[in-house]
Amino acid sequence: LSCVASESIFGVYNIGWYRQAPGKQR
């Protein structure tokens, strides 16, 4: 999987991956 940001954010934000199955929490 890939996540592309609109700008250079890696000095500002951390990046997390979440997942959500039907009927379950993210």
PDB file of all heavy atoms in Angstrom:
ATOM      1  N   LEU A   1       0.835  -1.187   0.000  1.00  0.00           N
ATOM      2  CA  LEU A   1       0.000   0.000   0.000  1.00  0.00           C
ATOM      3  C   LEU A   1       0.878   1.247   0.000  1.00  0.00           C
ATOM      4  O   LEU A   1       1.966   1.252   0.578  1.00  0.00           O
ATOM      5  CB  LEU A   1      -0.918   0.027   1.218  1.00  0.00           C
ATOM      6  CG  LEU A   1      -1.789  -1.208   1.450  1.00  0.00           C
ATOM      7  CD1 LEU A   1      -2.697  -0.987   2.654  1.00  0.00           C
ATOM      8  CD2 LEU A   1      -2.603  -1.550   0.209  1.00  0.00           C
ATOM      9  N   SER A   2       0.393   2.298  -0.631  1.00  0.00           N
ATOM     10  CA  SER A   2       1.120   3.560  -0.694  1.00  0.00           C
ATOM     11  C   SER A   2       0.248   4.690  -0.169  1.00  0.00           C
ATOM     12  O   SER A   2      -0.972   4.672  -0.340  1.00  0.00           O
ATOM     13  CB  SER A   2       1.541   3.876  -2.133  1.00  0.00           C
ATOM     14  OG  SER A   2       2.397   2.886  -2.659  1.00  0.00           O
ATOM     15  N   CYS A   3       0.877   5.662   0.448  1.00  0.00           N
ATOM     16  CA  CYS A   3       0.210   6.859   0.940  1.00  0.00           C
ATOM     17  C   CYS A   3       1.034   8.058   0.498  1.00  0.00           C
ATOM     18  O   CYS A   3       2.177   8.219   0.942  1.00  0.00           O
ATOM     19  CB  CYS A   3       0.093   6.817   2.466  1.00  0.00           C
ATOM     20  SG  CYS A   3      -0.593   8.309   3.221  1.00  0.00           S
ATOM     21  N   VAL A   4       0.461   8.877  -0.373  1.00  0.00           N
ATOM     22  CA  VAL A   4       1.161  10.018  -0.937  1.00  0.00           C
ATOM     23  C   VAL A   4       0.597  11.302  -0.336  1.00  0.00           C
ATOM     24  O   VAL A   4      -0.612  11.529  -0.380  1.00  0.00           O
ATOM     25  CB  VAL A   4       1.040  10.054  -2.468  1.00  0.00           C
ATOM     26  CG1 VAL A   4       1.833  11.234  -3.029  1.00  0.00           C
ATOM     27  CG2 VAL A   4       1.535   8.752  -3.076  1.00  0.00           C
ATOM     28  N   ALA A   5       1.467  12.133   0.206  1.00  0.00           N
ATOM     29  CA  ALA A   5       1.066  13.398   0.801  1.00  0.00           C
ATOM     30  C   ALA A   5       1.198  14.535  -0.195  1.00  0.00           C
ATOM     31  O   ALA A   5       2.007  14.477  -1.129  1.00  0.00           O
ATOM     32  CB  ALA A   5       1.906  13.692   2.038  1.00  0.00           C
ATOM     33  N   SER A   6       0.406  15.579   0.020  1.00  0.00           N
ATOM     34  CA  SER A   6       0.400  16.721  -0.880  1.00  0.00           C
ATOM     35  C   SER A   6       1.631  17.605  -0.745  1.00  0.00           C
ATOM     36  O   SER A   6       1.866  18.463  -1.591  1.00  0.00           O
ATOM     37  CB  SER A   6      -0.857  17.559  -0.643  1.00  0.00           C
ATOM     38  OG  SER A   6      -0.900  18.036   0.687  1.00  0.00           O
ATOM     39  N   GLU A   7       2.393  17.398   0.299  1.00  0.00           N
ATOM     40  CA  GLU A   7       3.563  18.207   0.564  1.00  0.00           C
ATOM     41  C   GLU A   7       4.528  17.422   1.436  1.00  0.00           C
ATOM     42  O   GLU A   7       4.200  16.329   1.902  1.00  0.00           O
ATOM     43  CB  GLU A   7       3.175  19.513   1.260  1.00  0.00           C
ATOM     44  CG  GLU A   7       2.434  19.291   2.569  1.00  0.00           C
ATOM     45  CD  GLU A   7       1.773  20.539   3.096  1.00  0.00           C
ATOM     46  OE1 GLU A   7       0.724  20.917   2.547  1.00  0.00           O
ATOM     47  OE2 GLU A   7       2.328  21.137   4.041  1.00  0.00           O
ATOM     48  N   SER A   8       5.706  17.981   1.667  1.00  0.00           N
ATOM     49  CA  SER A   8       6.682  17.342   2.539  1.00  0.00           C
ATOM     50  C   SER A   8       6.257  17.543   3.987  1.00  0.00           C
ATOM     51  O   SER A   8       6.371  18.634   4.535  1.00  0.00           O
ATOM     52  CB  SER A   8       8.077  17.924   2.300  1.00  0.00           C
ATOM     53  OG  SER A   8       8.505  17.689   0.973  1.00  0.00           O
ATOM     54  N   ILE A   9       5.784  16.476   4.607  1.00  0.00           N
ATOM     55  CA  ILE A   9       5.224  16.565   5.954  1.00  0.00           C
ATOM     56  C   ILE A   9       6.004  15.764   6.976  1.00  0.00           C
ATOM     57  O   ILE A   9       5.662  15.769   8.154  1.00  0.00           O
ATOM     58  CB  ILE A   9       3.761  16.099   5.979  1.00  0.00           C
ATOM     59  CG1 ILE A   9       3.670  14.620   5.614  1.00  0.00           C
ATOM     60  CG2 ILE A   9       2.912  16.951   5.042  1.00  0.00           C
ATOM     61  CD1 ILE A   9       2.299  14.016   5.832  1.00  0.00           C
ATOM     62  N   PHE A  10       7.040  15.079   6.558  1.00  0.00           N
ATOM     63  CA  PHE A  10       7.692  14.116   7.438  1.00  0.00           C
ATOM     64  C   PHE A  10       8.517  14.756   8.541  1.00  0.00           C
ATOM     65  O   PHE A  10       8.919  14.065   9.482  1.00  0.00           O
ATOM     66  CB  PHE A  10       8.528  13.135   6.608  1.00  0.00           C
ATOM     67  CG  PHE A  10       7.699  12.354   5.630  1.00  0.00           C
ATOM     68  CD1 PHE A  10       7.835  12.550   4.263  1.00  0.00           C
ATOM     69  CD2 PHE A  10       6.762  11.442   6.078  1.00  0.00           C
ATOM     70  CE1 PHE A  10       7.058  11.844   3.364  1.00  0.00           C
ATOM     71  CE2 PHE A  10       5.976  10.735   5.188  1.00  0.00           C
ATOM     72  CZ  PHE A  10       6.123  10.935   3.823  1.00  0.00           C
ATOM     73  N   GLY A  11       8.746  16.055   8.465  1.00  0.00           N
ATOM     74  CA  GLY A  11       9.352  16.760   9.577  1.00  0.00           C
ATOM     75  C   GLY A  11       8.330  17.313  10.536  1.00  0.00           C
ATOM     76  O   GLY A  11       8.694  17.902  11.556  1.00  0.00           O
ATOM     77  N   VAL A  12       7.052  17.135  10.221  1.00  0.00           N
ATOM     78  CA  VAL A  12       5.953  17.701  11.003  1.00  0.00           C
ATOM     79  C   VAL A  12       5.064  16.615  11.587  1.00  0.00           C
ATOM     80  O   VAL A  12       4.682  16.679  12.757  1.00  0.00           O
ATOM     81  CB  VAL A  12       5.115  18.662  10.136  1.00  0.00           C
ATOM     82  CG1 VAL A  12       3.960  19.245  10.950  1.00  0.00           C
ATOM     83  CG2 VAL A  12       5.987  19.763   9.558  1.00  0.00           C
ATOM     84  N   TYR A  13       4.715  15.629  10.774  1.00  0.00           N
ATOM     85  CA  TYR A  13       3.769  14.593  11.173  1.00  0.00           C
ATOM     86  C   TYR A  13       4.388  13.207  11.124  1.00  0.00           C
ATOM     87  O   TYR A  13       5.258  12.918  10.300  1.00  0.00           O
ATOM     88  CB  TYR A  13       2.548  14.595  10.259  1.00  0.00           C
ATOM     89  CG  TYR A  13       1.675  15.823  10.356  1.00  0.00           C
ATOM     90  CD1 TYR A  13       1.727  16.807   9.371  1.00  0.00           C
ATOM     91  CD2 TYR A  13       0.800  15.987  11.421  1.00  0.00           C
ATOM     92  CE1 TYR A  13       0.920  17.924   9.452  1.00  0.00           C
ATOM     93  CE2 TYR A  13      -0.003  17.109  11.505  1.00  0.00           C
ATOM     94  CZ  TYR A  13       0.056  18.068  10.519  1.00  0.00           C
ATOM     95  OH  TYR A  13      -0.747  19.180  10.597  1.00  0.00           O
ATOM     96  N   ASN A  14       3.895  12.367  11.985  1.00  0.00           N
ATOM     97  CA  ASN A  14       4.101  10.934  11.874  1.00  0.00           C
ATOM     98  C   ASN A  14       3.000  10.385  10.968  1.00  0.00           C
ATOM     99  O   ASN A  14       1.974  11.031  10.761  1.00  0.00           O
ATOM    100  CB  ASN A  14       4.014  10.288  13.253  1.00  0.00           C
ATOM    101  CG  ASN A  14       4.859  11.020  14.274  1.00  0.00           C
ATOM    102  OD1 ASN A  14       6.065  10.813  14.360  1.00  0.00           O
ATOM    103  ND2 ASN A  14       4.227  11.889  15.064  1.00  0.00           N
ATOM    104  N   ILE A  15       3.216   9.202  10.414  1.00  0.00           N
ATOM    105  CA  ILE A  15       2.216   8.594   9.536  1.00  0.00           C
ATOM    106  C   ILE A  15       1.820   7.235  10.089  1.00  0.00           C
ATOM    107  O   ILE A  15       2.684   6.396  10.370  1.00  0.00           O
ATOM    108  CB  ILE A  15       2.724   8.450   8.102  1.00  0.00           C
ATOM    109  CG1 ILE A  15       3.042   9.820   7.493  1.00  0.00           C
ATOM    110  CG2 ILE A  15       1.682   7.720   7.250  1.00  0.00           C
ATOM    111  CD1 ILE A  15       1.825  10.714   7.316  1.00  0.00           C
ATOM    112  N   GLY A  16       0.521   7.039  10.221  1.00  0.00           N
ATOM    113  CA  GLY A  16      -0.005   5.762  10.670  1.00  0.00           C
ATOM    114  C   GLY A  16      -0.884   5.123   9.618  1.00  0.00           C
ATOM    115  O   GLY A  16      -1.477   5.811   8.778  1.00  0.00           O
ATOM    116  N   TRP A  17      -0.945   3.808   9.657  1.00  0.00           N
ATOM    117  CA  TRP A  17      -1.887   3.048   8.844  1.00  0.00           C
ATOM    118  C   TRP A  17      -2.941   2.442   9.766  1.00  0.00           C
ATOM    119  O   TRP A  17      -2.603   1.788  10.761  1.00  0.00           O
ATOM    120  CB  TRP A  17      -1.196   1.942   8.057  1.00  0.00           C
ATOM    121  CG  TRP A  17      -0.490   2.407   6.825  1.00  0.00           C
ATOM    122  CD1 TRP A  17       0.829   2.685   6.680  1.00  0.00           C
ATOM    123  CD2 TRP A  17      -1.089   2.628   5.544  1.00  0.00           C
ATOM    124  NE1 TRP A  17       1.102   3.069   5.397  1.00  0.00           N
ATOM    125  CE2 TRP A  17      -0.059   3.044   4.670  1.00  0.00           C
ATOM    126  CE3 TRP A  17      -2.382   2.512   5.039  1.00  0.00           C
ATOM    127  CZ2 TRP A  17      -0.285   3.354   3.330  1.00  0.00           C
ATOM    128  CZ3 TRP A  17      -2.610   2.819   3.704  1.00  0.00           C
ATOM    129  CH2 TRP A  17      -1.566   3.234   2.869  1.00  0.00           C
ATOM    130  N   TYR A  18      -4.187   2.680   9.428  1.00  0.00           N
ATOM    131  CA  TYR A  18      -5.325   2.110  10.129  1.00  0.00           C
ATOM    132  C   TYR A  18      -6.068   1.166   9.201  1.00  0.00           C
ATOM    133  O   TYR A  18      -5.946   1.249   7.988  1.00  0.00           O
ATOM    134  CB  TYR A  18      -6.292   3.199  10.581  1.00  0.00           C
ATOM    135  CG  TYR A  18      -5.837   4.040  11.760  1.00  0.00           C
ATOM    136  CD1 TYR A  18      -4.852   5.004  11.616  1.00  0.00           C
ATOM    137  CD2 TYR A  18      -6.423   3.874  13.014  1.00  0.00           C
ATOM    138  CE1 TYR A  18      -4.447   5.782  12.687  1.00  0.00           C
ATOM    139  CE2 TYR A  18      -6.034   4.648  14.083  1.00  0.00           C
ATOM    140  CZ  TYR A  18      -5.049   5.600  13.918  1.00  0.00           C
ATOM    141  OH  TYR A  18      -4.664   6.374  14.995  1.00  0.00           O
ATOM    142  N   ARG A  19      -6.874   0.292   9.787  1.00  0.00           N
ATOM    143  CA  ARG A  19      -7.757  -0.536   8.983  1.00  0.00           C
ATOM    144  C   ARG A  19      -9.094  -0.698   9.688  1.00  0.00           C
ATOM    145  O   ARG A  19      -9.178  -0.656  10.909  1.00  0.00           O
ATOM    146  CB  ARG A  19      -7.141  -1.904   8.686  1.00  0.00           C
ATOM    147  CG  ARG A  19      -6.964  -2.817   9.891  1.00  0.00           C
ATOM    148  CD  ARG A  19      -6.229  -4.086   9.469  1.00  0.00           C
ATOM    149  NE  ARG A  19      -6.067  -5.018  10.573  1.00  0.00           N
ATOM    150  CZ  ARG A  19      -5.346  -6.129  10.503  1.00  0.00           C
ATOM    151  NH1 ARG A  19      -4.708  -6.444   9.368  1.00  0.00           N
ATOM    152  NH2 ARG A  19      -5.252  -6.929  11.556  1.00  0.00           N
ATOM    153  N   GLN A  20     -10.125  -0.886   8.885  1.00  0.00           N
ATOM    154  CA  GLN A  20     -11.473  -1.033   9.411  1.00  0.00           C
ATOM    155  C   GLN A  20     -12.229  -2.075   8.594  1.00  0.00           C
ATOM    156  O   GLN A  20     -12.431  -1.902   7.393  1.00  0.00           O
ATOM    157  CB  GLN A  20     -12.220   0.301   9.385  1.00  0.00           C
ATOM    158  CG  GLN A  20     -13.574   0.260  10.064  1.00  0.00           C
ATOM    159  CD  GLN A  20     -14.160   1.642  10.253  1.00  0.00           C
ATOM    160  OE1 GLN A  20     -13.866   2.561   9.485  1.00  0.00           O
ATOM    161  NE2 GLN A  20     -14.978   1.811  11.269  1.00  0.00           N
ATOM    162  N   ALA A  21     -12.627  -3.142   9.259  1.00  0.00           N
ATOM    163  CA  ALA A  21     -13.450  -4.169   8.653  1.00  0.00           C
ATOM    164  C   ALA A  21     -14.917  -3.841   8.913  1.00  0.00           C
ATOM    165  O   ALA A  21     -15.242  -3.113   9.856  1.00  0.00           O
ATOM    166  CB  ALA A  21     -13.094  -5.541   9.216  1.00  0.00           C
ATOM    167  N   PRO A  22     -15.833  -4.368   8.102  1.00  0.00           N
ATOM    168  CA  PRO A  22     -17.252  -4.084   8.300  1.00  0.00           C
ATOM    169  C   PRO A  22     -17.714  -4.420   9.708  1.00  0.00           C
ATOM    170  O   PRO A  22     -17.440  -5.505  10.223  1.00  0.00           O
ATOM    171  CB  PRO A  22     -17.936  -4.981   7.266  1.00  0.00           C
ATOM    172  CG  PRO A  22     -16.919  -5.147   6.185  1.00  0.00           C
ATOM    173  CD  PRO A  22     -15.605  -5.206   6.908  1.00  0.00           C
ATOM    174  N   GLY A  23     -18.394  -3.478  10.343  1.00  0.00           N
ATOM    175  CA  GLY A  23     -18.917  -3.687  11.677  1.00  0.00           C
ATOM    176  C   GLY A  23     -17.898  -3.601  12.792  1.00  0.00           C
ATOM    177  O   GLY A  23     -18.240  -3.863  13.949  1.00  0.00           O
ATOM    178  N   LYS A  24     -16.661  -3.242  12.470  1.00  0.00           N
ATOM    179  CA  LYS A  24     -15.609  -3.184  13.475  1.00  0.00           C
ATOM    180  C   LYS A  24     -15.038  -1.777  13.587  1.00  0.00           C
ATOM    181  O   LYS A  24     -15.269  -0.922  12.741  1.00  0.00           O
ATOM    182  CB  LYS A  24     -14.496  -4.178  13.141  1.00  0.00           C
ATOM    183  CG  LYS A  24     -14.936  -5.633  13.152  1.00  0.00           C
ATOM    184  CD  LYS A  24     -13.772  -6.568  12.905  1.00  0.00           C
ATOM    185  CE  LYS A  24     -14.197  -8.015  12.955  1.00  0.00           C
ATOM    186  NZ  LYS A  24     -13.050  -8.934  12.708  1.00  0.00           N
ATOM    187  N   GLN A  25     -14.288  -1.553  14.648  1.00  0.00           N
ATOM    188  CA  GLN A  25     -13.628  -0.277  14.877  1.00  0.00           C
ATOM    189  C   GLN A  25     -12.467  -0.091  13.914  1.00  0.00           C
ATOM    190  O   GLN A  25     -11.926  -1.054  13.370  1.00  0.00           O
ATOM    191  CB  GLN A  25     -13.123  -0.184  16.314  1.00  0.00           C
ATOM    192  CG  GLN A  25     -14.210  -0.212  17.371  1.00  0.00           C
ATOM    193  CD  GLN A  25     -13.639  -0.100  18.774  1.00  0.00           C
ATOM    194  OE1 GLN A  25     -12.437  -0.290  18.989  1.00  0.00           O
ATOM    195  NE2 GLN A  25     -14.491   0.210  19.733  1.00  0.00           N
ATOM    196  N   ARG A  26     -12.101   1.165  13.727  1.00  0.00           N
ATOM    197  CA  ARG A  26     -10.917   1.477  12.944  1.00  0.00           C
ATOM    198  C   ARG A  26      -9.702   1.374  13.870  1.00  0.00           C
ATOM    199  O   ARG A  26      -9.582   2.129  14.832  1.00  0.00           O
ATOM    200  CB  ARG A  26     -11.025   2.876  12.339  1.00  0.00           C
ATOM    201  CG  ARG A  26      -9.880   3.230  11.404  1.00  0.00           C
ATOM    202  CD  ARG A  26     -10.090   4.576  10.727  1.00  0.00           C
ATOM    203  NE  ARG A  26     -11.267   4.571   9.870  1.00  0.00           N
ATOM    204  CZ  ARG A  26     -11.599   5.574   9.066  1.00  0.00           C
ATOM    205  NH1 ARG A  26     -10.831   6.658   9.001  1.00  0.00           N
ATOM    206  NH2 ARG A  26     -12.694   5.498   8.331  1.00  0.00           N
TER     207      ARG A  26
END
